[in-house]
Amino acid sequence: MNANTYANIRAIVIVIITLFIMLRAFRVYSETRSTRLLILGLTMIMIALTTTADTIGENITFRLNSYWFNYFGQTTNFTIFFLSLLSSSEKYLRRLVRWQIVLSALLLLLLLFGPSMPHSFPSLGVIRAILSSGRSIPCFFIAFYYIAAFFTKETRFSLLMGAGFLIVAFAYYMIFPRYILPPQETIQTTGDLLRIFGFSTLLAALLWG
């Protein structure tokens, strides 16, 4: 099995897990009407879409240029989910949902017009490293929120959510050197495996938390 095939398999696993998280979040939302879970489900849809686009872009002959969609799409949706944790006001959360849908639709334009956008950016280098690892920032904030909630309420859900987002945050953060001093396939592989473990922990939180 070559490195590209192995990378594709890891990406497919991430997509499958995030789609299961999305389905579980939507199911619990239908039962509890918790808007925060709706936002989580929408966030996982964007993670699945961006990962799929990135994988396709690496395996087709013409340049899809999906980096813009991937980095901004994931960072924006993780940030919106973090913002959903700051208030329990239903009016506030509904407003966030509307913003999430609008912004996600606009971000899809980055994918559609990607091939016509500058191909030299983001390229391997400091800028792309910042954009890629920047996805860890909202994940760290989410993790700290749930860790703090665990110390207050000591629920299994908070523990698993905090652990899951912390692992995902480290997965994004640790791949920074890959874009500065390529090739760094070992770092990328480790980051992907950590993301798989982190998202699996989030799924466990929704199933058994």
Protein backbone atom coordinates (compact mmCIF):
# COMPACT_ATOMS: atom_id res chain seq x y z
CA MET A 1 0.00 0.00 0.00
CA ASN A 2 1.53 3.31 -1.08
CA ALA A 3 1.46 6.49 1.01
CA ASN A 4 -1.29 8.14 -1.07
CA THR A 5 -3.64 5.18 -0.75
CA TYR A 6 -3.02 5.04 2.99
CA ALA A 7 -3.77 8.77 3.26
CA ASN A 8 -7.01 8.31 1.31
CA ILE A 9 -8.11 5.52 3.65
CA ARG A 10 -7.46 7.72 6.68
CA ALA A 11 -9.49 10.52 5.10
CA ILE A 12 -12.39 8.17 4.33
CA VAL A 13 -12.41 6.96 7.94
CA ILE A 14 -12.57 10.57 9.17
CA VAL A 15 -15.48 11.31 6.82
CA ILE A 16 -17.39 8.22 7.98
CA ILE A 17 -16.90 9.04 11.67
CA THR A 18 -17.93 12.69 11.26
CA LEU A 19 -21.04 11.63 9.35
CA PHE A 20 -21.96 9.26 12.20
CA ILE A 21 -21.48 12.16 14.65
CA MET A 22 -23.73 14.29 12.43
CA LEU A 23 -26.44 11.61 12.32
CA ARG A 24 -26.32 11.08 16.07
CA ALA A 25 -26.39 14.83 16.77
CA PHE A 26 -29.40 15.32 14.49
CA ARG A 27 -31.22 12.36 16.05
CA VAL A 28 -30.72 13.65 19.59
CA TYR A 29 -31.68 17.14 18.38
CA SER A 30 -34.97 15.75 17.03
CA GLU A 31 -35.67 14.33 20.49
CA THR A 32 -34.43 17.16 22.71
CA ARG A 33 -34.62 20.18 20.35
CA SER A 34 -31.19 21.24 21.61
CA THR A 35 -30.06 23.83 19.07
CA ARG A 36 -26.46 23.36 20.16
CA LEU A 37 -26.59 19.79 18.87
CA LEU A 38 -27.97 21.08 15.58
CA ILE A 39 -24.93 23.36 15.31
CA LEU A 40 -22.65 20.42 16.10
CA GLY A 41 -24.33 18.36 13.37
CA LEU A 42 -23.90 21.15 10.83
CA THR A 43 -20.27 21.50 11.88
CA MET A 44 -19.65 17.81 11.23
CA ILE A 45 -21.24 18.12 7.78
CA MET A 46 -18.67 20.79 6.93
CA ILE A 47 -15.81 18.65 8.28
CA ALA A 48 -16.97 15.77 6.08
CA LEU A 49 -17.36 18.01 3.01
CA THR A 50 -13.99 19.71 3.41
CA THR A 51 -12.17 16.43 4.02
CA THR A 52 -13.84 14.89 0.98
CA ALA A 53 -12.97 17.88 -1.21
CA ASP A 54 -9.38 17.84 -0.01
CA THR A 55 -9.06 14.13 -0.76
CA ILE A 56 -10.57 14.49 -4.22
CA GLY A 57 -8.29 17.45 -4.90
CA GLU A 58 -5.26 15.30 -4.15
CA ASN A 59 -6.35 12.54 -6.53
CA ILE A 60 -7.56 14.24 -9.70
CA THR A 61 -5.49 15.39 -12.62
CA PHE A 62 -6.67 19.03 -12.63
CA ARG A 63 -6.12 21.35 -9.67
CA LEU A 64 -9.25 21.63 -7.55
CA ASN A 65 -7.52 24.11 -5.21
CA SER A 66 -9.68 23.09 -2.25
CA TYR A 67 -7.32 24.42 0.43
CA TRP A 68 -9.28 27.65 0.85
CA PHE A 69 -12.52 25.72 1.39
CA ASN A 70 -10.86 23.21 3.70
CA TYR A 71 -9.13 25.58 6.11
CA PHE A 72 -11.70 28.39 6.26
CA GLY A 73 -14.65 25.98 6.25
CA GLN A 74 -13.43 23.99 9.22
CA THR A 75 -12.15 26.96 11.23
CA THR A 76 -15.40 28.90 10.73
CA ASN A 77 -17.64 26.02 11.79
CA PHE A 78 -15.53 25.06 14.81
CA THR A 79 -15.64 28.72 15.85
CA ILE A 80 -19.43 28.84 15.53
CA PHE A 81 -19.75 25.72 17.66
CA PHE A 82 -17.55 27.34 20.31
CA LEU A 83 -19.71 30.46 20.21
CA SER A 84 -22.75 28.25 20.79
CA LEU A 85 -21.26 27.27 24.14
CA LEU A 86 -21.18 30.85 25.40
CA SER A 87 -24.93 31.21 25.86
CA SER A 88 -27.97 29.01 26.33
CA SER A 89 -30.34 31.62 24.96
CA GLU A 90 -32.49 29.99 22.29
CA LYS A 91 -32.68 33.26 20.38
CA TYR A 92 -28.89 33.51 20.38
CA LEU A 93 -28.43 29.90 19.27
CA ARG A 94 -31.00 30.21 16.48
CA ARG A 95 -29.19 33.28 15.22
CA LEU A 96 -25.94 31.30 15.21
CA VAL A 97 -27.58 28.55 13.17
CA ARG A 98 -28.66 31.07 10.55
CA TRP A 99 -25.16 32.55 10.41
CA GLN A 100 -23.66 29.07 10.18
CA ILE A 101 -25.84 28.14 7.23
CA VAL A 102 -25.19 31.41 5.42
CA LEU A 103 -21.43 31.34 5.98
CA SER A 104 -21.19 27.67 5.01
CA ALA A 105 -23.05 28.37 1.78
CA LEU A 106 -20.70 31.25 1.02
CA LEU A 107 -17.70 29.06 1.80
CA LEU A 108 -18.91 26.58 -0.81
CA LEU A 109 -18.14 29.31 -3.34
CA LEU A 110 -14.48 28.93 -2.39
CA LEU A 111 -14.70 25.34 -3.60
CA LEU A 112 -16.60 26.18 -6.78
CA PHE A 113 -14.25 29.01 -7.75
CA GLY A 114 -11.15 27.39 -6.32
CA PRO A 115 -9.61 26.40 -9.68
CA SER A 116 -9.78 30.02 -10.86
CA MET A 117 -8.27 31.44 -7.65
CA PRO A 118 -4.52 32.01 -7.21
CA HIS A 119 -2.81 28.62 -7.18
CA SER A 120 0.26 29.94 -5.46
CA PHE A 121 -1.71 30.56 -2.26
CA PRO A 122 -2.01 28.80 0.01
CA SER A 123 1.16 26.95 -0.98
CA LEU A 124 3.61 25.06 1.18
CA GLY A 125 5.04 27.60 3.57
CA VAL A 126 4.32 29.67 6.66
CA ILE A 127 0.95 31.03 5.47
CA ARG A 128 -0.48 27.62 4.73
CA ALA A 129 0.96 26.28 8.00
CA ILE A 130 -0.84 29.05 9.91
CA LEU A 131 -4.13 28.45 8.09
CA SER A 132 -3.94 24.69 8.63
CA SER A 133 -2.85 24.73 12.26
CA GLY A 134 -5.18 27.66 12.96
CA ARG A 135 -8.02 25.15 12.99
CA SER A 136 -6.71 24.04 16.37
CA ILE A 137 -7.51 27.37 18.07
CA PRO A 138 -11.33 27.05 18.28
CA CYS A 139 -10.90 23.34 19.08
CA PHE A 140 -8.68 24.21 22.07
CA PHE A 141 -11.29 26.72 23.30
CA ILE A 142 -14.05 24.11 22.94
CA ALA A 143 -11.93 21.55 24.79
CA PHE A 144 -11.20 23.96 27.66
CA TYR A 145 -14.93 24.74 27.96
CA TYR A 146 -15.88 21.08 28.32
CA ILE A 147 -12.95 20.32 30.63
CA ALA A 148 -14.07 23.18 32.88
CA ALA A 149 -17.64 21.85 32.70
CA PHE A 150 -16.39 18.40 33.72
CA PHE A 151 -14.72 19.77 36.84
CA THR A 152 -18.00 21.51 37.70
CA LYS A 153 -20.51 18.74 36.90
CA GLU A 154 -18.28 15.66 36.46
CA THR A 155 -20.36 14.20 33.66
CA ARG A 156 -19.03 11.57 31.24
CA PHE A 157 -20.33 13.63 28.31
CA SER A 158 -18.23 16.66 29.28
CA LEU A 159 -15.16 14.49 29.84
CA LEU A 160 -15.43 12.77 26.46
CA MET A 161 -16.24 15.98 24.58
CA GLY A 162 -13.33 17.78 26.23
CA ALA A 163 -10.94 14.92 25.52
CA GLY A 164 -12.16 14.55 21.93
CA PHE A 165 -11.75 18.21 21.01
CA LEU A 166 -8.40 18.39 22.81
CA ILE A 167 -7.09 15.48 20.73
CA VAL A 168 -8.42 17.04 17.52
CA ALA A 169 -6.82 20.36 18.46
CA PHE A 170 -3.42 18.73 18.98
CA ALA A 171 -3.84 16.86 15.68
CA TYR A 172 -4.23 20.15 13.80
CA TYR A 173 -1.53 21.92 15.80
CA MET A 174 1.18 19.30 15.40
CA ILE A 175 1.17 19.28 11.58
CA PHE A 176 2.52 22.85 11.42
CA PRO A 177 6.09 21.70 10.53
CA ARG A 178 4.77 19.70 7.57
CA TYR A 179 4.26 22.88 5.58
CA ILE A 180 7.55 24.48 6.62
CA LEU A 181 9.97 21.61 6.10
CA PRO A 182 8.38 19.12 3.73
CA PRO A 183 8.27 16.21 3.36
CA GLN A 184 6.90 15.34 6.81
CA GLU A 185 4.72 12.31 6.07
CA THR A 186 5.17 10.88 9.54
CA ILE A 187 3.77 14.04 11.12
CA GLN A 188 0.83 14.07 8.69
CA THR A 189 0.07 10.41 9.37
CA THR A 190 0.23 10.93 13.13
CA GLY A 191 -2.03 13.97 12.84
CA ASP A 192 -4.59 12.05 10.79
CA LEU A 193 -4.60 9.15 13.25
CA LEU A 194 -5.07 11.57 16.15
CA ARG A 195 -8.01 13.17 14.34
CA ILE A 196 -9.56 9.74 13.86
CA PHE A 197 -9.15 9.03 17.57
CA GLY A 198 -10.43 12.48 18.53
CA PHE A 199 -13.55 12.33 16.37
CA SER A 200 -14.18 8.77 17.59
CA THR A 201 -14.12 10.12 21.14
CA LEU A 202 -16.70 12.77 20.18
CA LEU A 203 -18.90 10.03 18.72
CA ALA A 204 -18.54 8.06 21.95
CA ALA A 205 -19.64 11.15 23.89
CA LEU A 206 -22.85 11.37 21.86
CA LEU A 207 -23.53 7.64 22.06
CA TRP A 208 -22.70 6.94 25.69
CA GLY A 209 -22.23 10.34 27.32
